[in-house]
Amino acid sequence: MGAVQYGTSKVFYKIVPHFDAQELRQYLHQVMAPFSKSGKEVVMVVDRSGIHRAHKLDATLEHYHSKFRFHFLPAHCGHHLNPIEGFWRVMKDAIGAGRCFANLHLFYQRTRQVLMTHQERPIYAFHW
C-alpha cells in the first residue's frame, strides 16, 4: 500500500501480505509520523473500497481529527484521478511487468529494491 506526496513525489509505502483494515490503520500511523507536528492537514486520496470505509478505522481517524482525512474519489471515476495510481503503473514496469518470480521472497526483494531506488531518485514525478 502506498501514497505519494504531492509536490515532492515522496512515496510512503508499506509492503503487506494482504490489505485489510488493521494493516491500513498501522499504515496511517506510519504516514502521519512525519507530519503530525507540522500543523498541516494531511489529505489522502482514496477510492471507495470497503477497506477505506471500514469502521475499524474510526478510532484512528478520530485520533488524527483535524490533522488527517480521506478524500473519497467519485464512484467509477477511473484511476486517473488518484495520484498513487501513476506511481503503481511505473512501479509495475520497473519491477518487471509480466515477469515471473521463483518465489514470493524474490518478488518482495525486487519490490523493496525499486522502492528504495525511488526514494533516492524518483522513478515517477507526480504532476497534477
N, C-alpha and C. Protein backbone atom coordinates (compact mmCIF):
# COMPACT_ATOMS: atom_id res chain seq x y z
N MET A 1 0.85 -1.17 0.00
CA MET A 1 0.00 0.00 0.00
C MET A 1 0.89 1.23 0.00
N GLY A 2 0.38 2.31 -0.53
CA GLY A 2 1.23 3.49 -0.60
C GLY A 2 0.47 4.76 -0.90
N ALA A 3 1.18 5.85 -0.69
CA ALA A 3 0.66 7.18 -1.00
C ALA A 3 1.84 8.00 -1.50
N VAL A 4 1.56 8.90 -2.43
CA VAL A 4 2.61 9.77 -2.96
C VAL A 4 2.32 11.20 -2.50
N GLN A 5 3.35 11.87 -2.02
CA GLN A 5 3.20 13.24 -1.53
C GLN A 5 3.23 14.20 -2.71
N TYR A 6 2.20 14.98 -2.83
CA TYR A 6 2.12 15.97 -3.90
C TYR A 6 3.26 16.96 -3.75
N GLY A 7 3.91 17.26 -4.86
CA GLY A 7 4.97 18.26 -4.87
C GLY A 7 6.36 17.69 -4.71
N THR A 8 6.51 16.64 -3.88
CA THR A 8 7.84 16.07 -3.67
C THR A 8 8.00 14.71 -4.35
N SER A 9 6.91 14.06 -4.68
CA SER A 9 6.88 12.70 -5.23
C SER A 9 7.42 11.66 -4.25
N LYS A 10 7.56 12.02 -2.98
CA LYS A 10 7.98 11.05 -1.97
C LYS A 10 6.85 10.04 -1.80
N VAL A 11 7.23 8.77 -1.74
CA VAL A 11 6.24 7.72 -1.58
C VAL A 11 6.34 7.14 -0.18
N PHE A 12 5.21 7.06 0.48
CA PHE A 12 5.08 6.43 1.79
C PHE A 12 4.44 5.08 1.53
N TYR A 13 5.15 4.01 1.81
CA TYR A 13 4.65 2.69 1.45
C TYR A 13 4.80 1.71 2.60
N LYS A 14 4.04 0.64 2.49
CA LYS A 14 4.14 -0.47 3.42
C LYS A 14 3.85 -1.72 2.62
N ILE A 15 4.77 -2.68 2.68
CA ILE A 15 4.57 -3.95 1.98
C ILE A 15 3.86 -4.89 2.95
N VAL A 16 2.70 -5.37 2.54
CA VAL A 16 1.91 -6.25 3.39
C VAL A 16 1.47 -7.48 2.60
N PRO A 17 1.29 -8.61 3.28
CA PRO A 17 0.86 -9.82 2.57
C PRO A 17 -0.58 -9.72 2.06
N HIS A 18 -1.41 -8.97 2.76
CA HIS A 18 -2.78 -8.72 2.29
C HIS A 18 -3.23 -7.38 2.86
N PHE A 19 -4.14 -6.77 2.16
CA PHE A 19 -4.60 -5.42 2.50
C PHE A 19 -5.88 -5.54 3.32
N ASP A 20 -5.81 -5.19 4.60
CA ASP A 20 -7.00 -5.20 5.43
C ASP A 20 -7.01 -3.96 6.32
N ALA A 21 -8.08 -3.79 7.08
CA ALA A 21 -8.25 -2.58 7.88
C ALA A 21 -7.16 -2.43 8.94
N GLN A 22 -6.73 -3.53 9.55
CA GLN A 22 -5.68 -3.46 10.56
C GLN A 22 -4.36 -2.96 9.95
N GLU A 23 -4.01 -3.49 8.79
CA GLU A 23 -2.79 -3.04 8.10
C GLU A 23 -2.91 -1.57 7.71
N LEU A 24 -4.09 -1.16 7.27
CA LEU A 24 -4.31 0.24 6.89
C LEU A 24 -4.18 1.15 8.11
N ARG A 25 -4.71 0.72 9.26
CA ARG A 25 -4.57 1.52 10.49
C ARG A 25 -3.09 1.74 10.82
N GLN A 26 -2.30 0.68 10.76
CA GLN A 26 -0.87 0.80 11.05
C GLN A 26 -0.17 1.70 10.03
N TYR A 27 -0.58 1.56 8.78
CA TYR A 27 -0.01 2.38 7.72
C TYR A 27 -0.32 3.86 7.93
N LEU A 28 -1.53 4.18 8.35
CA LEU A 28 -1.90 5.58 8.60
C LEU A 28 -1.02 6.18 9.70
N HIS A 29 -0.72 5.40 10.74
CA HIS A 29 0.18 5.89 11.79
C HIS A 29 1.58 6.13 11.21
N GLN A 30 2.02 5.25 10.32
CA GLN A 30 3.33 5.39 9.67
C GLN A 30 3.37 6.67 8.83
N VAL A 31 2.31 6.92 8.08
CA VAL A 31 2.25 8.11 7.24
C VAL A 31 2.21 9.37 8.10
N MET A 32 1.47 9.32 9.18
CA MET A 32 1.30 10.52 9.99
C MET A 32 2.51 10.86 10.85
N ALA A 33 3.39 9.91 11.09
CA ALA A 33 4.55 10.16 11.96
C ALA A 33 5.35 11.40 11.55
N PRO A 34 5.73 11.55 10.28
CA PRO A 34 6.50 12.75 9.92
C PRO A 34 5.68 14.04 9.82
N PHE A 35 4.35 13.91 9.77
CA PHE A 35 3.51 15.09 9.56
C PHE A 35 2.77 15.56 10.81
N SER A 36 2.73 14.74 11.84
CA SER A 36 1.86 15.03 12.98
C SER A 36 2.17 16.36 13.67
N LYS A 37 3.41 16.83 13.62
CA LYS A 37 3.76 18.08 14.29
C LYS A 37 3.83 19.26 13.33
N SER A 38 3.51 19.04 12.06
CA SER A 38 3.63 20.11 11.07
C SER A 38 2.53 21.15 11.18
N GLY A 39 1.41 20.77 11.78
CA GLY A 39 0.29 21.68 11.87
C GLY A 39 -0.55 21.75 10.61
N LYS A 40 -0.14 21.02 9.59
CA LYS A 40 -0.88 21.00 8.33
C LYS A 40 -1.72 19.73 8.25
N GLU A 41 -2.86 19.87 7.61
CA GLU A 41 -3.74 18.72 7.43
C GLU A 41 -3.19 17.83 6.31
N VAL A 42 -3.24 16.53 6.52
CA VAL A 42 -2.86 15.55 5.52
C VAL A 42 -4.14 15.02 4.89
N VAL A 43 -4.21 15.08 3.57
CA VAL A 43 -5.38 14.59 2.84
C VAL A 43 -4.92 13.43 1.97
N MET A 44 -5.53 12.27 2.17
CA MET A 44 -5.18 11.09 1.39
C MET A 44 -6.33 10.80 0.43
N VAL A 45 -6.01 10.80 -0.86
CA VAL A 45 -7.00 10.50 -1.89
C VAL A 45 -7.17 8.99 -1.97
N VAL A 46 -8.39 8.53 -1.82
CA VAL A 46 -8.67 7.09 -1.84
C VAL A 46 -9.89 6.80 -2.70
N ASP A 47 -9.97 5.56 -3.15
CA ASP A 47 -11.18 5.13 -3.86
C ASP A 47 -12.23 4.73 -2.83
N ARG A 48 -13.34 4.25 -3.28
CA ARG A 48 -14.44 3.92 -2.38
C ARG A 48 -14.42 2.45 -1.94
N SER A 49 -13.25 1.87 -1.93
CA SER A 49 -13.10 0.49 -1.46
C SER A 49 -13.63 0.37 -0.04
N GLY A 50 -14.19 -0.77 0.26
CA GLY A 50 -14.72 -1.01 1.60
C GLY A 50 -13.66 -0.88 2.68
N ILE A 51 -12.44 -1.18 2.35
CA ILE A 51 -11.35 -1.09 3.33
C ILE A 51 -11.15 0.36 3.78
N HIS A 52 -11.34 1.31 2.87
CA HIS A 52 -11.17 2.72 3.22
C HIS A 52 -12.34 3.25 4.04
N ARG A 53 -13.44 2.52 4.03
CA ARG A 53 -14.64 2.94 4.77
C ARG A 53 -14.92 2.07 5.99
N ALA A 54 -13.99 1.17 6.32
CA ALA A 54 -14.19 0.21 7.41
C ALA A 54 -14.33 0.92 8.75
N HIS A 55 -15.26 0.44 9.56
CA HIS A 55 -15.47 1.03 10.89
C HIS A 55 -14.27 0.80 11.80
N LYS A 56 -13.43 -0.17 11.49
CA LYS A 56 -12.22 -0.40 12.29
C LYS A 56 -11.26 0.78 12.21
N LEU A 57 -11.45 1.66 11.24
CA LEU A 57 -10.60 2.85 11.10
C LEU A 57 -11.09 4.03 11.92
N ASP A 58 -12.31 3.94 12.44
CA ASP A 58 -12.91 5.09 13.13
C ASP A 58 -12.04 5.66 14.24
N ALA A 59 -11.49 4.80 15.10
CA ALA A 59 -10.67 5.28 16.22
C ALA A 59 -9.41 5.98 15.71
N THR A 60 -8.80 5.43 14.67
CA THR A 60 -7.58 6.03 14.12
C THR A 60 -7.89 7.38 13.49
N LEU A 61 -8.98 7.45 12.72
CA LEU A 61 -9.37 8.72 12.10
C LEU A 61 -9.72 9.76 13.17
N GLU A 62 -10.36 9.32 14.24
CA GLU A 62 -10.69 10.23 15.32
C GLU A 62 -9.41 10.71 16.03
N HIS A 63 -8.45 9.83 16.17
CA HIS A 63 -7.17 10.18 16.79
C HIS A 63 -6.48 11.32 16.03
N TYR A 64 -6.59 11.30 14.71
CA TYR A 64 -5.97 12.33 13.87
C TYR A 64 -6.97 13.40 13.43
N HIS A 65 -8.06 13.53 14.16
CA HIS A 65 -9.09 14.52 13.83
C HIS A 65 -8.45 15.89 13.60
N SER A 66 -8.81 16.53 12.52
CA SER A 66 -8.33 17.85 12.07
C SER A 66 -6.88 17.83 11.59
N LYS A 67 -6.21 16.68 11.64
CA LYS A 67 -4.85 16.56 11.11
C LYS A 67 -4.80 15.67 9.88
N PHE A 68 -5.82 14.83 9.72
CA PHE A 68 -5.82 13.86 8.64
C PHE A 68 -7.25 13.61 8.20
N ARG A 69 -7.41 13.41 6.88
CA ARG A 69 -8.73 12.99 6.37
C ARG A 69 -8.56 12.29 5.05
N PHE A 70 -9.53 11.46 4.76
CA PHE A 70 -9.62 10.82 3.45
C PHE A 70 -10.39 11.74 2.52
N HIS A 71 -9.97 11.81 1.28
CA HIS A 71 -10.76 12.45 0.23
C HIS A 71 -11.20 11.32 -0.69
N PHE A 72 -12.49 11.01 -0.66
CA PHE A 72 -13.02 9.90 -1.44
C PHE A 72 -13.27 10.35 -2.88
N LEU A 73 -12.74 9.59 -3.80
CA LEU A 73 -12.98 9.86 -5.22
C LEU A 73 -14.41 9.49 -5.57
N PRO A 74 -14.96 10.12 -6.61
CA PRO A 74 -16.31 9.74 -7.04
C PRO A 74 -16.33 8.29 -7.51
N ALA A 75 -17.46 7.65 -7.34
CA ALA A 75 -17.61 6.27 -7.79
C ALA A 75 -17.38 6.19 -9.30
N HIS A 76 -16.72 5.14 -9.72
CA HIS A 76 -16.50 4.84 -11.14
C HIS A 76 -15.74 5.94 -11.89
N CYS A 77 -14.85 6.67 -11.20
CA CYS A 77 -14.15 7.77 -11.85
C CYS A 77 -12.90 7.31 -12.59
N GLY A 78 -12.49 6.09 -12.38
CA GLY A 78 -11.26 5.62 -13.01
C GLY A 78 -10.06 5.97 -12.17
N HIS A 79 -8.92 5.43 -12.54
CA HIS A 79 -7.71 5.60 -11.73
C HIS A 79 -6.95 6.88 -12.02
N HIS A 80 -7.30 7.60 -13.07
CA HIS A 80 -6.51 8.78 -13.44
C HIS A 80 -6.59 9.92 -12.42
N LEU A 81 -7.56 9.91 -11.52
CA LEU A 81 -7.67 10.97 -10.52
C LEU A 81 -6.92 10.66 -9.23
N ASN A 82 -6.46 9.42 -9.07
CA ASN A 82 -5.78 9.03 -7.85
C ASN A 82 -4.27 9.14 -8.04
N PRO A 83 -3.61 10.03 -7.30
CA PRO A 83 -2.18 10.28 -7.50
C PRO A 83 -1.28 9.05 -7.43
N ILE A 84 -1.61 8.09 -6.59
CA ILE A 84 -0.72 6.93 -6.43
C ILE A 84 -0.80 5.98 -7.62
N GLU A 85 -1.88 6.02 -8.38
CA GLU A 85 -2.05 5.06 -9.47
C GLU A 85 -0.99 5.20 -10.56
N GLY A 86 -0.57 6.43 -10.85
CA GLY A 86 0.50 6.62 -11.83
C GLY A 86 1.80 6.02 -11.34
N PHE A 87 2.06 6.17 -10.05
CA PHE A 87 3.26 5.57 -9.47
C PHE A 87 3.20 4.05 -9.57
N TRP A 88 2.03 3.44 -9.26
CA TRP A 88 1.93 1.98 -9.34
C TRP A 88 2.18 1.49 -10.76
N ARG A 89 1.71 2.23 -11.74
CA ARG A 89 1.93 1.85 -13.15
C ARG A 89 3.42 1.82 -13.47
N VAL A 90 4.15 2.87 -13.08
CA VAL A 90 5.59 2.93 -13.32
C VAL A 90 6.30 1.86 -12.48
N MET A 91 5.84 1.67 -11.28
CA MET A 91 6.43 0.67 -10.37
C MET A 91 6.34 -0.73 -10.97
N LYS A 92 5.18 -1.07 -11.50
CA LYS A 92 4.99 -2.40 -12.10
C LYS A 92 5.95 -2.60 -13.27
N ASP A 93 6.12 -1.57 -14.08
CA ASP A 93 7.07 -1.67 -15.20
C ASP A 93 8.50 -1.84 -14.69
N ALA A 94 8.86 -1.11 -13.62
CA ALA A 94 10.21 -1.18 -13.08
C ALA A 94 10.50 -2.54 -12.43
N ILE A 95 9.50 -3.12 -11.80
CA ILE A 95 9.68 -4.44 -11.19
C ILE A 95 9.81 -5.50 -12.27
N GLY A 96 9.07 -5.30 -13.34
CA GLY A 96 9.11 -6.25 -14.43
C GLY A 96 7.72 -6.79 -14.73
N ALA A 97 6.89 -5.97 -15.37
CA ALA A 97 5.53 -6.38 -15.69
C ALA A 97 5.56 -7.68 -16.49
N GLY A 98 4.76 -8.63 -16.09
CA GLY A 98 4.68 -9.90 -16.79
C GLY A 98 5.80 -10.87 -16.43
N ARG A 99 6.72 -10.45 -15.60
CA ARG A 99 7.84 -11.29 -15.20
C ARG A 99 7.40 -12.26 -14.12
N CYS A 100 7.90 -13.45 -14.17
CA CYS A 100 7.61 -14.45 -13.14
C CYS A 100 8.77 -14.51 -12.15
N PHE A 101 8.46 -14.59 -10.89
CA PHE A 101 9.47 -14.74 -9.84
C PHE A 101 9.38 -16.15 -9.30
N ALA A 102 10.53 -16.72 -8.95
CA ALA A 102 10.58 -18.10 -8.47
C ALA A 102 9.80 -18.28 -7.17
N ASN A 103 9.77 -17.22 -6.36
CA ASN A 103 9.00 -17.29 -5.11
C ASN A 103 8.65 -15.88 -4.66
N LEU A 104 7.79 -15.82 -3.67
CA LEU A 104 7.30 -14.53 -3.18
C LEU A 104 8.43 -13.69 -2.56
N HIS A 105 9.38 -14.33 -1.93
CA HIS A 105 10.50 -13.61 -1.32
C HIS A 105 11.29 -12.83 -2.38
N LEU A 106 11.54 -13.41 -3.53
CA LEU A 106 12.26 -12.72 -4.60
C LEU A 106 11.46 -11.53 -5.13
N PHE A 107 10.14 -11.72 -5.20
CA PHE A 107 9.27 -10.62 -5.62
C PHE A 107 9.33 -9.47 -4.61
N TYR A 108 9.27 -9.78 -3.31
CA TYR A 108 9.38 -8.75 -2.26
C TYR A 108 10.73 -8.04 -2.33
N GLN A 109 11.80 -8.81 -2.55
CA GLN A 109 13.13 -8.21 -2.66
C GLN A 109 13.19 -7.20 -3.80
N ARG A 110 12.68 -7.60 -4.96
CA ARG A 110 12.68 -6.71 -6.13
C ARG A 110 11.82 -5.48 -5.86
N THR A 111 10.69 -5.67 -5.23
CA THR A 111 9.80 -4.56 -4.90
C THR A 111 10.50 -3.56 -3.98
N ARG A 112 11.12 -4.06 -2.92
CA ARG A 112 11.85 -3.18 -1.99
C ARG A 112 12.98 -2.44 -2.70
N GLN A 113 13.68 -3.15 -3.59
CA GLN A 113 14.79 -2.54 -4.33
C GLN A 113 14.29 -1.37 -5.17
N VAL A 114 13.20 -1.55 -5.86
CA VAL A 114 12.65 -0.48 -6.71
C VAL A 114 12.15 0.68 -5.84
N LEU A 115 11.50 0.37 -4.72
CA LEU A 115 11.02 1.42 -3.82
C LEU A 115 12.17 2.23 -3.23
N MET A 116 13.23 1.55 -2.83
CA MET A 116 14.39 2.26 -2.27
C MET A 116 15.05 3.13 -3.33
N THR A 117 15.14 2.64 -4.55
CA THR A 117 15.69 3.43 -5.65
C THR A 117 14.86 4.69 -5.86
N HIS A 118 13.53 4.54 -5.80
CA HIS A 118 12.64 5.69 -5.97
C HIS A 118 12.90 6.74 -4.88
N GLN A 119 13.12 6.31 -3.65
CA GLN A 119 13.34 7.26 -2.57
C GLN A 119 14.63 8.06 -2.79
N GLU A 120 15.62 7.45 -3.43
CA GLU A 120 16.88 8.14 -3.70
C GLU A 120 16.78 9.03 -4.93
N ARG A 121 16.15 8.52 -5.96
CA ARG A 121 15.97 9.26 -7.21
C ARG A 121 14.62 8.82 -7.78
N PRO A 122 13.60 9.68 -7.70
CA PRO A 122 12.24 9.28 -8.09
C PRO A 122 12.16 8.70 -9.51
N ILE A 123 11.47 7.55 -9.58
CA ILE A 123 11.18 6.94 -10.87
C ILE A 123 9.90 7.51 -11.45
N TYR A 124 9.18 8.25 -10.63
CA TYR A 124 7.92 8.83 -11.04
C TYR A 124 7.77 10.19 -10.39
N ALA A 125 7.51 11.20 -11.16
CA ALA A 125 7.27 12.54 -10.62
C ALA A 125 5.79 12.85 -10.78
N PHE A 126 5.13 13.07 -9.67
CA PHE A 126 3.70 13.33 -9.68
C PHE A 126 3.42 14.78 -10.06
N HIS A 127 2.62 14.97 -11.08
CA HIS A 127 2.17 16.31 -11.50
C HIS A 127 0.67 16.24 -11.71
N TRP A 128 -0.03 17.19 -11.12
CA TRP A 128 -1.47 17.21 -11.30
C TRP A 128 -1.81 18.32 -12.25
